[in-house]
Each structure stands twice: as C-alpha cells, then as structure tokens.
Amino acid sequence: ETITLVLSNVVGAEASLGSTPEATLTVLDNDEMPTVQISSEAVDVDEDAGEAVVTVTLGQPSGREVSVDFATAEETAVAGDDYATITGTLTFAPGETSGEITIPVLDDELDEADETLALTISNFVNARVGSNSDTQVRIVDNDAEPTVSFDQEIYPVQENQGPAVLTISLSAPSGQTVTVRYKSNGGSASAGGDYASVDKKLTFDPGETSQTVEVGVFDDALVEGLETAVIALSNPENVTIGDIGSATINLLDNEVPMLNSDSLDYSVAEKNGKVRITLTLDEPFTMNATVEYATVDGTAEAGSDYVAKTGKITFAPGQTSKT
C-alpha cells in the first residue's frame, strides 16, 4: 500500500517549493498470504440429495481478492451416470473466508455399492495451498437390493426327456455382482437315482436379470409314478431371496404297470349266485392305481339274468391283485 506526501503553502519571502513537492511512501506488507483449503478430507452425500456441497476456507481474511480453480474427477463414480462433471473458479472477495462448491448428484434405480469421486482445487491467486487441496465425495446408495426367485413353483418333466430346465430371475437389475446358490433339498425322488443332485453357485453380472440352470433327470425301467425333487435357493449376496425361494421338479414316470384279469372267460352256474373276477398288475406301483369297470349285456340281459354293476377298483402302492 502507498501514502502520498504533498508540500504546499510555503511561508517566507525567501522560501519556495523545490522540484519535488510530492513524495510517495510505500507501506510494505509483512503478512503472509492466507492459506486456502477444502475444509474436509471426505464428504458423504445421499444419492437422492441432488447435490453435494464442499466448503473451501481461507486461513485468515485477506485484503485482496482471492481465487482458486476447481475440478471433479472420476473414481468409482461415473460422470454422467452418478454425478455431473464440474470445473470453474471460486472467488473470495476481500474479507471473505468461506466459499462453497456444489456438485450435482444423479439418482438412479440401481442397487450398487457406495461410489466416490474426487474434487481438487488448484491455481491459487493471492493465496497459498493449505492443509488439504482435494477431497473425496462419497455418494451413498439409496436403492434396495433386488430379490431373486424361481420363475415358477413347479417344473414338470418326463423322466425320459430330461434335463429339467429351471429359470432363476432378479426382480430388477443390480449395479453389483449378485450371487446365489441353488441346491437339492429333498422331495420323494432319489438324488443320484432319479435325478442328479446339485449344489452350485449362480452369478449375475451387473445389469443381468435372468438365467437358466439344468438338473439332470435319469430314466429307468421302474414303474414309480410321480416323484418330486426340490431345489432351493440359499446364500444370497447383494440380493434377497424372493417369494419363490424353492421349486419342485415333478418327475413324470414313463412306465406304467399292465392290468390283467386271471381269465378271459368265466363260467358260473346260475344257482351259485355270483362270479368272482381277479385283476392283477404285472408290476407293483409306487402310488395308487385305479381302474373303472362296468358290465355290458351279451346274450344275458341285465335285470333278468344278472345284476348290472359299475365301480372303481383301487390298487394301493405295492398291491398287485384285487378281486
């Protein structure tokens, strides 16, 4: 700063102003330039907040205008997807000691890990770098994890037309890698005998929402009827198990027992009152087997020569003969 000293109003007949009636006095500043720094090494902001505000401060007031340039840079956050890139200059008027930089934050619908970007200040004018010239801004995700489920509860498959193909899907895309295990979990079928036991990890890459898995089915010559194999989801990572957390494979048997009678012709004396007919299965069945029967007139007439009859015969599991 400067002061000007001016001489004037000379008194005395023999006195007059010389050639240099003015003089400049320069006051030399002995104060250091203020420091400028970002007030925090880390700033957290919720993804749906709309913006992150970073405070920049001077170590002390300055009699001069102070300015500093700023710019964002990607870390795990992606410019244009998670935040808007900004660059510019922050100016402090004389006497000001605090300023703010605002970074737009973009909200999305992806469940993802918290993401970060950097903000750096540089090119200090009338100031010197302080304790912290950059900061990390962390965008805190606000989206719930998706759910993972089978697409249906029952998957029917003929035992001679395997494998069974099951679809497993996410309720929404995720920004993270999602994993879940699918594992055999009981049922009436025999693991290793009727179907191939499974215990595997399924991985969904970010953005992927649906995959199919196969469960081997074994064809045999046994008459077994319907059998089931249950496959369950477990050990979810970055996902929650949804409404259909287990599915049942219905193994449809392609073998059926043959039904026979002990004779093709029956003779009975009219006075004996009734005839007994025995029906047999050539192999035992693992479930109830039923057959309906009904009499039909030949030369004999129902109501005159015999009593008409209809009904149903049921073979219990393992039973091979009924009369």
Protein backbone atom coordinates (compact mmCIF):
# COMPACT_ATOMS: atom_id res chain seq x y z
CA GLU A 1 0.00 0.00 0.00
CA THR A 2 1.16 3.60 -0.61
CA ILE A 3 0.82 7.05 1.00
CA THR A 4 1.42 10.31 -0.94
CA LEU A 5 3.00 13.31 0.94
CA VAL A 6 2.36 16.71 -0.72
CA LEU A 7 4.13 20.01 0.24
CA SER A 8 2.21 23.30 -0.14
CA ASN A 9 1.59 26.80 1.33
CA VAL A 10 5.22 27.83 1.67
CA VAL A 11 5.62 30.72 4.20
CA GLY A 12 8.57 33.09 3.97
CA ALA A 13 9.78 35.53 1.33
CA GLU A 14 12.89 33.58 0.51
CA ALA A 15 11.24 30.03 0.56
CA SER A 16 9.76 28.31 -2.44
CA LEU A 17 8.78 24.74 -3.44
CA GLY A 18 11.50 22.77 -4.98
CA SER A 19 11.31 20.42 -7.96
CA THR A 20 9.82 17.57 -5.96
CA PRO A 21 6.85 18.81 -3.95
CA GLU A 22 5.39 15.27 -3.62
CA ALA A 23 6.72 12.03 -2.23
CA THR A 24 5.27 8.51 -2.16
CA LEU A 25 5.53 6.37 0.95
CA THR A 26 5.20 2.63 0.33
CA VAL A 27 3.98 0.51 3.27
CA LEU A 28 5.48 -2.93 2.80
CA ASP A 29 3.10 -5.74 3.85
CA ASN A 30 4.76 -8.17 6.21
CA ASP A 31 1.77 -10.56 6.42
CA GLU A 32 1.85 -13.91 4.65
CA MET A 33 -0.77 -14.71 2.02
CA PRO A 34 -3.67 -16.66 3.53
CA THR A 35 -3.91 -20.39 3.04
CA VAL A 36 -6.84 -21.87 1.14
CA GLN A 37 -8.04 -25.41 1.74
CA ILE A 38 -11.01 -27.74 1.47
CA SER A 39 -12.50 -27.98 4.94
CA SER A 40 -12.95 -31.79 4.97
CA GLU A 41 -10.98 -34.69 3.54
CA ALA A 42 -14.21 -36.64 2.88
CA VAL A 43 -17.80 -35.62 2.15
CA ASP A 44 -20.78 -38.03 2.24
CA VAL A 45 -23.98 -37.34 0.33
CA ASP A 46 -27.13 -39.42 -0.16
CA GLU A 47 -27.74 -40.39 -3.77
CA ASP A 48 -31.18 -38.74 -3.75
CA ALA A 49 -29.96 -35.47 -2.15
CA GLY A 50 -29.50 -33.84 -5.55
CA GLU A 51 -26.15 -32.20 -4.82
CA ALA A 52 -23.01 -32.43 -2.72
CA VAL A 53 -21.74 -29.22 -1.12
CA VAL A 54 -18.00 -28.87 -0.46
CA THR A 55 -16.78 -25.98 1.72
CA VAL A 56 -13.50 -24.17 0.92
CA THR A 57 -11.98 -21.81 3.52
CA LEU A 58 -9.20 -19.23 3.89
CA GLY A 59 -6.92 -19.50 6.88
CA GLN A 60 -7.44 -15.77 7.56
CA PRO A 61 -9.15 -12.79 5.91
CA SER A 62 -7.32 -11.14 3.04
CA GLY A 63 -7.37 -7.56 1.87
CA ARG A 64 -7.13 -8.82 -1.69
CA GLU A 65 -9.45 -10.82 -3.90
CA VAL A 66 -8.51 -14.50 -3.70
CA SER A 67 -9.39 -17.10 -6.29
CA VAL A 68 -8.83 -20.79 -6.81
CA ASP A 69 -9.75 -23.20 -9.65
CA PHE A 70 -11.65 -26.46 -9.01
CA ALA A 71 -12.46 -29.65 -10.95
CA THR A 72 -14.07 -33.05 -10.34
CA ALA A 73 -12.55 -36.40 -11.37
CA GLU A 74 -13.93 -39.94 -11.55
CA GLU A 75 -13.05 -42.61 -9.02
CA THR A 76 -15.65 -45.40 -8.73
CA ALA A 77 -18.50 -42.98 -9.57
CA VAL A 78 -19.07 -42.39 -13.28
CA ALA A 79 -19.53 -38.85 -14.60
CA GLY A 80 -22.85 -38.52 -16.40
CA ASP A 81 -24.32 -41.55 -14.60
CA ASP A 82 -23.67 -40.81 -10.93
CA TYR A 83 -22.78 -37.11 -10.93
CA ALA A 84 -22.31 -34.16 -13.28
CA THR A 85 -18.74 -33.07 -14.06
CA ILE A 86 -17.94 -29.52 -12.95
CA THR A 87 -14.95 -27.16 -13.39
CA GLY A 88 -14.65 -23.49 -12.53
CA THR A 89 -13.16 -20.78 -10.32
CA LEU A 90 -14.16 -19.95 -6.76
CA THR A 91 -13.56 -16.29 -5.81
CA PHE A 92 -13.30 -14.77 -2.32
CA ALA A 93 -13.97 -11.05 -2.06
CA PRO A 94 -11.67 -9.13 0.34
CA GLY A 95 -12.61 -10.11 3.88
CA GLU A 96 -14.45 -13.33 2.91
CA THR A 97 -13.10 -16.53 4.43
CA SER A 98 -15.51 -19.24 3.25
CA GLY A 99 -16.99 -20.39 -0.05
CA GLU A 100 -18.89 -23.40 -1.39
CA ILE A 101 -18.61 -25.64 -4.44
CA THR A 102 -21.78 -27.55 -5.45
CA ILE A 103 -21.58 -30.87 -7.32
CA PRO A 104 -24.83 -32.19 -8.91
CA VAL A 105 -25.55 -35.80 -7.84
CA LEU A 106 -27.65 -38.06 -10.11
CA ASP A 107 -30.11 -40.54 -8.58
CA ASP A 108 -30.65 -43.90 -10.31
CA GLU A 109 -32.67 -47.05 -9.56
CA LEU A 110 -29.75 -49.49 -9.42
CA ASP A 111 -28.74 -51.14 -6.18
CA GLU A 112 -24.99 -50.56 -6.13
CA ALA A 113 -22.09 -50.07 -3.77
CA ASP A 114 -21.37 -46.56 -2.49
CA GLU A 115 -19.32 -44.72 -5.11
CA THR A 116 -16.74 -41.95 -4.93
CA LEU A 117 -15.37 -39.04 -6.93
CA ALA A 118 -12.60 -36.53 -6.26
CA LEU A 119 -12.71 -32.72 -6.09
CA THR A 120 -9.40 -30.85 -6.42
CA ILE A 121 -8.52 -27.15 -6.08
CA SER A 122 -5.51 -25.59 -7.86
CA ASN A 123 -4.07 -22.35 -9.36
CA PHE A 124 -4.15 -20.27 -6.18
CA VAL A 125 -4.25 -16.49 -6.73
CA ASN A 126 -3.28 -14.23 -3.77
CA ALA A 127 -3.26 -17.30 -1.56
CA ARG A 128 -1.17 -20.36 -0.93
CA VAL A 129 -2.14 -24.02 -0.69
CA GLY A 130 -3.34 -25.05 2.72
CA SER A 131 -3.61 -28.36 4.51
CA ASN A 132 -6.00 -30.02 2.08
CA SER A 133 -6.27 -29.33 -1.64
CA ASP A 134 -8.54 -32.27 -2.53
CA THR A 135 -11.41 -34.25 -1.06
CA GLN A 136 -13.27 -37.47 -1.75
CA VAL A 137 -17.03 -37.23 -2.20
CA ARG A 138 -18.86 -40.48 -1.41
CA ILE A 139 -22.30 -41.00 -2.95
CA VAL A 140 -24.29 -43.23 -0.57
CA ASP A 141 -26.64 -45.59 -2.45
CA ASN A 142 -30.33 -45.42 -1.51
CA ASP A 143 -31.72 -48.34 -3.56
CA ALA A 144 -32.91 -51.61 -2.03
CA GLU A 145 -31.39 -54.93 -3.08
CA PRO A 146 -33.37 -56.81 -5.75
CA THR A 147 -34.95 -60.16 -4.94
CA VAL A 148 -34.07 -63.47 -6.60
CA SER A 149 -36.66 -66.18 -7.28
CA PHE A 150 -37.52 -69.12 -9.45
CA ASP A 151 -39.91 -68.11 -12.24
CA GLN A 152 -42.42 -70.80 -11.20
CA GLU A 153 -43.02 -73.18 -8.31
CA ILE A 154 -43.50 -76.40 -10.33
CA TYR A 155 -41.39 -77.67 -13.25
CA PRO A 156 -42.83 -80.89 -14.79
CA VAL A 157 -40.54 -83.09 -16.87
CA GLN A 158 -40.88 -86.58 -18.30
CA GLU A 159 -38.15 -88.78 -16.85
CA ASN A 160 -37.06 -89.77 -20.38
CA GLN A 161 -36.99 -86.15 -21.62
CA GLY A 162 -34.61 -84.51 -19.15
CA PRO A 163 -32.83 -82.45 -18.06
CA ALA A 164 -35.21 -80.20 -16.15
CA VAL A 165 -34.59 -76.55 -17.07
CA LEU A 166 -35.27 -74.02 -14.28
CA THR A 167 -35.30 -70.22 -14.69
CA ILE A 168 -33.95 -68.01 -11.88
CA SER A 169 -34.52 -64.25 -12.14
CA LEU A 170 -33.87 -60.97 -10.35
CA SER A 171 -36.76 -58.59 -9.67
CA ALA A 172 -34.69 -55.68 -11.04
CA PRO A 173 -31.20 -55.09 -12.49
CA SER A 174 -28.41 -54.55 -9.98
CA GLY A 175 -25.30 -52.43 -10.27
CA GLN A 176 -23.39 -55.06 -8.31
CA THR A 177 -22.39 -58.65 -8.94
CA VAL A 178 -25.13 -60.86 -7.48
CA THR A 179 -24.64 -64.49 -6.41
CA VAL A 180 -26.94 -67.19 -5.03
CA ARG A 181 -26.61 -70.94 -4.53
CA TYR A 182 -29.16 -73.47 -5.79
CA LYS A 183 -29.15 -76.83 -4.06
CA SER A 184 -31.07 -80.11 -3.88
CA ASN A 185 -33.37 -80.01 -0.89
CA GLY A 186 -35.38 -83.21 -0.62
CA GLY A 187 -38.50 -84.50 -2.33
CA SER A 188 -39.75 -88.04 -2.94
CA ALA A 189 -37.29 -88.74 -5.78
CA SER A 190 -33.90 -90.27 -5.05
CA ALA A 191 -30.91 -87.97 -5.60
CA GLY A 192 -28.44 -89.89 -7.72
CA GLY A 193 -31.07 -92.47 -8.68
CA ASP A 194 -33.87 -90.42 -10.20
CA TYR A 195 -32.10 -87.08 -10.72
CA ALA A 196 -28.64 -85.52 -10.39
CA SER A 197 -28.09 -83.82 -7.05
CA VAL A 198 -26.99 -80.18 -7.42
CA ASP A 199 -25.21 -77.65 -5.19
CA LYS A 200 -23.90 -74.79 -7.33
CA LYS A 201 -23.26 -71.05 -7.21
CA LEU A 202 -25.05 -68.88 -9.76
CA THR A 203 -23.59 -65.45 -10.64
CA PHE A 204 -25.43 -62.48 -12.19
CA ASP A 205 -23.19 -59.80 -13.68
CA PRO A 206 -24.25 -56.16 -13.16
CA GLY A 207 -27.34 -55.49 -15.27
CA GLU A 208 -28.12 -59.20 -15.84
CA THR A 209 -31.58 -60.28 -14.64
CA SER A 210 -32.31 -63.88 -15.70
CA GLN A 211 -30.52 -67.22 -16.08
CA THR A 212 -31.47 -70.85 -16.63
CA VAL A 213 -30.00 -73.86 -14.83
CA GLU A 214 -30.28 -77.55 -15.61
CA VAL A 215 -30.93 -80.51 -13.31
CA GLY A 216 -30.21 -83.92 -14.81
CA VAL A 217 -33.05 -86.47 -14.83
CA PHE A 218 -32.43 -90.24 -15.06
CA ASP A 219 -34.72 -92.60 -16.99
CA ASP A 220 -35.19 -96.07 -15.51
CA ALA A 221 -37.37 -99.09 -16.20
CA LEU A 222 -39.17 -98.98 -12.85
CA VAL A 223 -42.87 -98.30 -12.55
CA GLU A 224 -42.75 -95.49 -9.99
CA GLY A 225 -45.43 -92.93 -10.68
CA LEU A 226 -44.93 -89.24 -9.92
CA GLU A 227 -41.79 -88.35 -7.96
CA THR A 228 -40.52 -84.94 -6.88
CA ALA A 229 -37.18 -83.20 -6.42
CA VAL A 230 -36.99 -79.88 -4.55
CA ILE A 231 -34.34 -77.28 -5.48
CA ALA A 232 -33.85 -74.39 -3.02
CA LEU A 233 -32.01 -71.05 -3.20
CA SER A 234 -29.58 -70.06 -0.41
CA ASN A 235 -26.54 -67.92 0.45
CA PRO A 236 -27.64 -64.74 -1.36
CA GLU A 237 -25.04 -61.97 -1.86
CA ASN A 238 -26.15 -58.44 -2.84
CA VAL A 239 -29.67 -59.81 -3.23
CA THR A 240 -32.60 -61.03 -1.12
CA ILE A 241 -34.39 -64.35 -1.70
CA GLY A 242 -37.88 -63.61 -3.04
CA ASP A 243 -41.30 -65.26 -2.84
CA ILE A 244 -40.39 -68.40 -4.81
CA GLY A 245 -37.25 -69.46 -3.00
CA SER A 246 -37.65 -73.14 -3.83
CA ALA A 247 -39.05 -75.02 -6.81
CA THR A 248 -40.31 -78.58 -7.22
CA ILE A 249 -39.40 -80.71 -10.22
CA ASN A 250 -42.21 -83.17 -10.96
CA LEU A 251 -40.61 -86.28 -12.46
CA LEU A 252 -43.31 -87.86 -14.63
CA ASP A 253 -42.85 -91.62 -14.96
CA ASN A 254 -42.94 -93.02 -18.48
CA GLU A 255 -43.55 -96.62 -17.31
CA VAL A 256 -46.98 -97.87 -16.23
CA PRO A 257 -47.97 -101.37 -15.00
CA MET A 258 -50.12 -103.63 -17.19
CA LEU A 259 -53.58 -104.61 -15.92
CA ASN A 260 -54.69 -108.22 -16.47
CA SER A 261 -57.54 -110.50 -15.41
CA ASP A 262 -56.90 -114.08 -14.39
CA SER A 263 -59.05 -115.33 -17.28
CA LEU A 264 -60.71 -114.07 -20.42
CA ASP A 265 -63.80 -116.27 -19.91
CA TYR A 266 -65.67 -117.09 -16.71
CA SER A 267 -68.37 -119.74 -16.27
CA VAL A 268 -70.72 -119.89 -13.33
CA ALA A 269 -73.75 -122.00 -12.52
CA GLU A 270 -76.89 -119.95 -12.33
CA LYS A 271 -77.57 -121.30 -8.83
CA ASN A 272 -74.16 -120.14 -7.44
CA GLY A 273 -75.34 -116.55 -7.36
CA LYS A 274 -72.13 -114.67 -8.28
CA VAL A 275 -68.85 -114.82 -10.15
CA ARG A 276 -65.51 -113.57 -8.81
CA ILE A 277 -63.05 -111.91 -11.20
CA THR A 278 -59.44 -111.24 -10.15
CA LEU A 279 -57.50 -108.32 -11.62
CA THR A 280 -53.72 -108.14 -11.38
CA LEU A 281 -50.91 -105.69 -12.11
CA ASP A 282 -47.80 -107.12 -13.71
CA GLU A 283 -45.62 -104.86 -11.51
CA PRO A 284 -46.17 -103.09 -8.20
CA PHE A 285 -46.84 -99.34 -8.46
CA THR A 286 -45.49 -96.72 -6.09
CA MET A 287 -48.76 -94.81 -5.96
CA ASN A 288 -52.47 -95.58 -6.08
CA ALA A 289 -53.61 -97.11 -9.38
CA THR A 290 -57.31 -97.11 -10.24
CA VAL A 291 -59.46 -98.73 -12.91
CA GLU A 292 -63.18 -98.38 -13.52
CA TYR A 293 -65.35 -101.32 -14.53
CA ALA A 294 -68.88 -101.85 -15.85
CA THR A 295 -70.94 -104.81 -17.05
CA VAL A 296 -72.34 -104.88 -20.59
CA ASP A 297 -75.05 -107.19 -21.89
CA GLY A 298 -74.01 -110.06 -24.08
CA THR A 299 -76.68 -112.72 -24.60
CA ALA A 300 -77.55 -112.31 -20.93
CA GLU A 301 -79.80 -109.41 -20.06
CA ALA A 302 -79.18 -107.13 -17.11
CA GLY A 303 -82.03 -107.23 -14.64
CA SER A 304 -83.28 -110.59 -15.85
CA ASP A 305 -80.18 -112.78 -15.89
CA TYR A 306 -77.70 -110.76 -13.84
CA VAL A 307 -77.38 -107.65 -11.79
CA ALA A 308 -75.65 -104.81 -13.67
CA LYS A 309 -72.69 -103.39 -11.85
CA THR A 310 -70.27 -100.46 -12.21
CA GLY A 311 -67.49 -99.24 -9.93
CA LYS A 312 -63.87 -98.43 -9.38
CA ILE A 313 -61.05 -100.63 -8.12
CA THR A 314 -58.05 -99.06 -6.43
CA PHE A 315 -54.67 -100.75 -6.06
CA ALA A 316 -52.75 -99.34 -3.10
CA PRO A 317 -48.99 -98.73 -3.56
CA GLY A 318 -47.30 -102.13 -3.84
CA GLN A 319 -50.57 -104.06 -4.26
CA THR A 320 -50.80 -106.22 -7.39
CA SER A 321 -54.08 -108.18 -7.02
CA LYS A 322 -57.72 -107.22 -6.44
CA THR A 323 -60.91 -109.30 -6.65
